[in-house]
């Protein structure tokens, strides 16, 4: 499966971004702080899909949606924090 064609869906009711991989879910869970800051607390990909780029695709999709909303985020999850360090184009959207 080509991870570039996977869609990241914002499930506001569940406070998470989701990406279906075959019959499983990869997720970024968050908690809102006020009306405009996402605290990104967890990113996870099913174990059998780890190390194949799905996590990066998931995080990119979530961050692009946050950016499009004009909101900010806190990269609490260690995986997301590393991703942001490697992709400085998202630095302006980190809540200070």
N, C-alpha and C. Protein backbone atom coordinates (compact mmCIF):
# COMPACT_ATOMS: atom_id res chain seq x y z
N UNK A 1 0.85 -1.19 0.00
CA UNK A 1 0.00 0.00 0.00
C UNK A 1 0.88 1.24 0.00
N UNK A 2 0.58 2.19 -0.86
CA UNK A 2 1.34 3.43 -0.99
C UNK A 2 0.86 4.41 0.07
N UNK A 3 1.73 4.77 1.02
CA UNK A 3 1.26 5.63 2.11
C UNK A 3 1.02 7.07 1.68
N UNK A 4 1.43 7.46 0.48
CA UNK A 4 1.14 8.81 0.00
C UNK A 4 -0.31 8.99 -0.41
N UNK A 5 -1.03 7.90 -0.65
CA UNK A 5 -2.42 8.01 -1.08
C UNK A 5 -3.39 7.89 0.09
N UNK A 6 -2.90 7.65 1.27
CA UNK A 6 -3.77 7.50 2.44
C UNK A 6 -4.26 8.86 2.91
N UNK A 7 -5.52 8.92 3.31
CA UNK A 7 -6.12 10.17 3.75
C UNK A 7 -6.18 10.22 5.27
N UNK A 8 -5.82 11.38 5.81
CA UNK A 8 -5.92 11.60 7.25
C UNK A 8 -7.23 12.35 7.50
N UNK A 9 -8.07 11.76 8.32
CA UNK A 9 -9.40 12.29 8.63
C UNK A 9 -9.38 12.88 10.04
N UNK A 10 -9.98 14.07 10.20
CA UNK A 10 -10.09 14.68 11.52
C UNK A 10 -11.41 14.23 12.14
N UNK A 11 -11.32 13.40 13.15
CA UNK A 11 -12.49 12.91 13.89
C UNK A 11 -12.61 13.78 15.15
N UNK A 12 -13.33 14.89 15.02
CA UNK A 12 -13.45 15.85 16.14
C UNK A 12 -14.16 15.25 17.35
N UNK A 13 -15.13 14.38 17.11
CA UNK A 13 -15.87 13.78 18.23
C UNK A 13 -14.96 12.93 19.10
N UNK A 14 -13.96 12.30 18.50
CA UNK A 14 -13.04 11.43 19.25
C UNK A 14 -11.75 12.16 19.62
N UNK A 15 -11.62 13.45 19.26
CA UNK A 15 -10.39 14.21 19.53
C UNK A 15 -9.17 13.51 18.97
N UNK A 16 -9.25 13.18 17.68
CA UNK A 16 -8.10 12.55 17.05
C UNK A 16 -8.14 12.69 15.53
N UNK A 17 -6.97 12.53 14.96
CA UNK A 17 -6.81 12.42 13.52
C UNK A 17 -6.60 10.93 13.23
N UNK A 18 -7.23 10.43 12.18
CA UNK A 18 -7.20 9.00 11.90
C UNK A 18 -6.76 8.75 10.46
N UNK A 19 -6.09 7.63 10.28
CA UNK A 19 -5.69 7.20 8.95
C UNK A 19 -5.88 5.68 8.90
N UNK A 20 -6.71 5.22 7.98
CA UNK A 20 -6.94 3.78 7.84
C UNK A 20 -5.80 3.17 7.04
N UNK A 21 -5.23 2.10 7.58
CA UNK A 21 -4.21 1.31 6.88
C UNK A 21 -4.77 -0.11 6.81
N UNK A 22 -5.13 -0.48 5.60
CA UNK A 22 -5.83 -1.75 5.40
C UNK A 22 -7.03 -1.77 6.33
N UNK A 23 -7.15 -2.71 7.25
CA UNK A 23 -8.32 -2.76 8.12
C UNK A 23 -8.02 -2.25 9.53
N UNK A 24 -6.96 -1.46 9.67
CA UNK A 24 -6.57 -0.95 10.99
C UNK A 24 -6.51 0.56 10.99
N UNK A 25 -6.35 1.15 12.18
CA UNK A 25 -6.32 2.60 12.32
C UNK A 25 -4.98 3.06 12.90
N UNK A 26 -4.43 4.10 12.28
CA UNK A 26 -3.33 4.85 12.87
C UNK A 26 -3.95 6.14 13.38
N UNK A 27 -3.49 6.64 14.52
CA UNK A 27 -4.15 7.80 15.12
C UNK A 27 -3.16 8.80 15.71
N UNK A 28 -3.59 10.06 15.72
CA UNK A 28 -2.97 11.11 16.53
C UNK A 28 -4.06 11.58 17.48
N UNK A 29 -3.88 11.34 18.77
CA UNK A 29 -4.84 11.80 19.77
C UNK A 29 -4.41 13.17 20.28
N UNK A 30 -5.40 14.00 20.58
CA UNK A 30 -5.09 15.34 21.09
C UNK A 30 -6.09 15.77 22.15
N UNK A 31 -5.70 16.81 22.89
CA UNK A 31 -6.59 17.52 23.80
C UNK A 31 -6.52 18.98 23.40
N UNK A 32 -7.65 19.63 23.33
CA UNK A 32 -7.67 21.06 23.01
C UNK A 32 -7.33 21.86 24.25
N UNK A 33 -6.55 22.91 24.03
CA UNK A 33 -6.26 23.89 25.08
C UNK A 33 -6.85 25.19 24.57
N UNK A 34 -7.92 25.63 25.21
CA UNK A 34 -8.64 26.79 24.70
C UNK A 34 -9.27 26.43 23.37
N UNK A 35 -9.47 27.46 22.54
CA UNK A 35 -10.14 27.24 21.26
C UNK A 35 -9.18 27.04 20.10
N UNK A 36 -7.87 27.30 20.34
CA UNK A 36 -6.99 27.34 19.17
C UNK A 36 -5.68 26.59 19.30
N UNK A 37 -5.53 25.74 20.33
CA UNK A 37 -4.28 25.00 20.48
C UNK A 37 -4.55 23.51 20.67
N UNK A 38 -3.94 22.72 19.81
CA UNK A 38 -4.01 21.26 19.91
C UNK A 38 -2.82 20.77 20.71
N UNK A 39 -3.06 20.03 21.79
CA UNK A 39 -1.99 19.35 22.52
C UNK A 39 -1.95 17.93 21.96
N UNK A 40 -0.95 17.68 21.10
CA UNK A 40 -0.83 16.38 20.43
C UNK A 40 -0.14 15.40 21.37
N UNK A 41 -0.92 14.55 22.00
CA UNK A 41 -0.42 13.72 23.09
C UNK A 41 0.05 12.33 22.67
N UNK A 42 -0.40 11.85 21.50
CA UNK A 42 -0.05 10.47 21.14
C UNK A 42 -0.18 10.29 19.63
N UNK A 43 0.79 9.65 19.03
CA UNK A 43 0.68 9.21 17.64
C UNK A 43 1.03 7.73 17.62
N UNK A 44 0.21 6.95 16.96
CA UNK A 44 0.46 5.51 16.91
C UNK A 44 0.03 4.88 15.61
N UNK A 45 0.83 3.92 15.19
CA UNK A 45 0.58 3.13 13.99
C UNK A 45 0.54 1.67 14.45
N UNK A 46 -0.37 0.85 13.91
CA UNK A 46 -0.38 -0.57 14.28
C UNK A 46 1.02 -1.17 14.12
N UNK A 47 1.46 -2.00 15.07
CA UNK A 47 2.83 -2.52 15.08
C UNK A 47 3.29 -3.14 13.76
N UNK A 48 2.41 -3.84 13.07
CA UNK A 48 2.83 -4.50 11.84
C UNK A 48 3.12 -3.51 10.70
N UNK A 49 2.76 -2.24 10.90
CA UNK A 49 3.01 -1.22 9.87
C UNK A 49 4.09 -0.22 10.27
N UNK A 50 4.70 -0.43 11.43
CA UNK A 50 5.76 0.48 11.89
C UNK A 50 6.98 0.42 10.98
N UNK A 51 7.70 1.53 10.90
CA UNK A 51 8.94 1.58 10.14
C UNK A 51 8.75 1.64 8.63
N UNK A 52 7.53 1.95 8.18
CA UNK A 52 7.26 1.97 6.74
C UNK A 52 6.77 3.34 6.27
N UNK A 53 6.94 4.38 7.10
CA UNK A 53 6.58 5.73 6.70
C UNK A 53 5.16 6.15 7.01
N UNK A 54 4.36 5.24 7.56
CA UNK A 54 2.98 5.59 7.85
C UNK A 54 2.86 6.64 8.96
N UNK A 55 3.71 6.54 9.97
CA UNK A 55 3.67 7.51 11.07
C UNK A 55 3.94 8.92 10.58
N UNK A 56 4.93 9.08 9.73
CA UNK A 56 5.24 10.39 9.18
C UNK A 56 4.10 10.93 8.34
N UNK A 57 3.48 10.07 7.54
CA UNK A 57 2.34 10.49 6.71
C UNK A 57 1.18 10.92 7.58
N UNK A 58 0.93 10.17 8.66
CA UNK A 58 -0.14 10.49 9.60
C UNK A 58 0.10 11.85 10.26
N UNK A 59 1.30 12.06 10.78
CA UNK A 59 1.61 13.31 11.47
C UNK A 59 1.55 14.48 10.50
N UNK A 60 2.10 14.30 9.31
CA UNK A 60 2.05 15.38 8.31
C UNK A 60 0.60 15.76 8.01
N UNK A 61 -0.25 14.77 7.83
CA UNK A 61 -1.66 15.04 7.55
C UNK A 61 -2.34 15.79 8.67
N UNK A 62 -2.05 15.42 9.91
CA UNK A 62 -2.63 16.11 11.07
C UNK A 62 -2.12 17.55 11.13
N UNK A 63 -0.81 17.74 10.99
CA UNK A 63 -0.24 19.09 11.08
C UNK A 63 -0.72 19.98 9.94
N UNK A 64 -0.89 19.43 8.76
CA UNK A 64 -1.40 20.23 7.63
C UNK A 64 -2.82 20.70 7.90
N UNK A 65 -3.63 19.87 8.54
CA UNK A 65 -5.00 20.28 8.86
C UNK A 65 -5.02 21.35 9.94
N UNK A 66 -4.16 21.20 10.94
CA UNK A 66 -4.07 22.22 12.00
C UNK A 66 -3.62 23.54 11.39
N UNK A 67 -2.61 23.49 10.53
CA UNK A 67 -2.10 24.68 9.85
C UNK A 67 -3.21 25.34 9.02
N UNK A 68 -3.98 24.54 8.28
CA UNK A 68 -5.05 25.07 7.44
C UNK A 68 -6.14 25.75 8.26
N UNK A 69 -6.32 25.31 9.50
CA UNK A 69 -7.31 25.93 10.40
C UNK A 69 -6.77 27.23 11.00
N UNK A 70 -5.47 27.48 10.82
CA UNK A 70 -4.87 28.66 11.43
C UNK A 70 -4.67 28.52 12.93
N UNK A 71 -4.55 27.28 13.38
CA UNK A 71 -4.39 27.02 14.82
C UNK A 71 -2.95 26.61 15.11
N UNK A 72 -2.66 26.38 16.38
CA UNK A 72 -1.32 26.02 16.82
C UNK A 72 -1.37 24.66 17.51
N UNK A 73 -0.17 24.11 17.78
CA UNK A 73 -0.11 22.81 18.43
C UNK A 73 1.06 22.74 19.40
N UNK A 74 0.95 21.81 20.34
CA UNK A 74 2.03 21.48 21.26
C UNK A 74 2.40 20.03 20.97
N UNK A 75 3.65 19.76 20.57
CA UNK A 75 4.05 18.38 20.24
C UNK A 75 4.46 17.59 21.47
N UNK A 76 3.47 17.23 22.31
CA UNK A 76 3.75 16.49 23.54
C UNK A 76 4.26 15.08 23.24
N UNK A 77 3.70 14.44 22.24
CA UNK A 77 4.12 13.08 21.86
C UNK A 77 5.56 13.12 21.35
N UNK A 78 6.44 12.26 21.87
CA UNK A 78 7.84 12.27 21.43
C UNK A 78 8.02 12.05 19.92
N UNK A 79 7.22 11.20 19.32
CA UNK A 79 7.34 10.96 17.88
C UNK A 79 7.02 12.24 17.10
N UNK A 80 5.98 12.94 17.51
CA UNK A 80 5.60 14.18 16.84
C UNK A 80 6.67 15.25 17.06
N UNK A 81 7.24 15.32 18.27
CA UNK A 81 8.30 16.30 18.54
C UNK A 81 9.50 16.08 17.63
N UNK A 82 9.90 14.83 17.42
CA UNK A 82 11.01 14.52 16.52
C UNK A 82 10.64 14.88 15.09
N UNK A 83 9.43 14.56 14.68
CA UNK A 83 8.98 14.88 13.33
C UNK A 83 9.09 16.39 13.08
N UNK A 84 8.64 17.18 14.03
CA UNK A 84 8.65 18.64 13.87
C UNK A 84 10.09 19.16 13.82
N UNK A 85 10.97 18.58 14.61
CA UNK A 85 12.39 18.99 14.54
C UNK A 85 12.97 18.71 13.16
N UNK A 86 12.55 17.64 12.54
CA UNK A 86 13.05 17.26 11.21
C UNK A 86 12.33 18.01 10.08
N UNK A 87 11.22 18.65 10.39
CA UNK A 87 10.42 19.38 9.39
C UNK A 87 10.15 20.80 9.92
N UNK A 88 11.16 21.66 9.84
CA UNK A 88 11.05 23.00 10.44
C UNK A 88 9.95 23.87 9.83
N UNK A 89 9.37 23.45 8.71
CA UNK A 89 8.28 24.23 8.13
C UNK A 89 7.06 24.31 9.05
N UNK A 90 7.00 23.46 10.09
CA UNK A 90 5.90 23.50 11.03
C UNK A 90 6.23 24.28 12.31
N UNK A 91 7.44 24.76 12.45
CA UNK A 91 7.88 25.43 13.68
C UNK A 91 7.03 26.66 14.01
N UNK A 92 6.59 27.38 13.01
CA UNK A 92 5.79 28.59 13.25
C UNK A 92 4.42 28.29 13.85
N UNK A 93 4.02 27.03 13.81
CA UNK A 93 2.69 26.67 14.31
C UNK A 93 2.75 26.03 15.70
N UNK A 94 3.94 25.95 16.29
CA UNK A 94 4.06 25.44 17.65
C UNK A 94 3.62 26.53 18.61
N UNK A 95 2.76 26.18 19.56
CA UNK A 95 2.28 27.14 20.57
C UNK A 95 3.45 27.49 21.48
N UNK A 96 3.62 28.76 21.72
CA UNK A 96 4.73 29.23 22.58
C UNK A 96 4.23 29.55 23.97
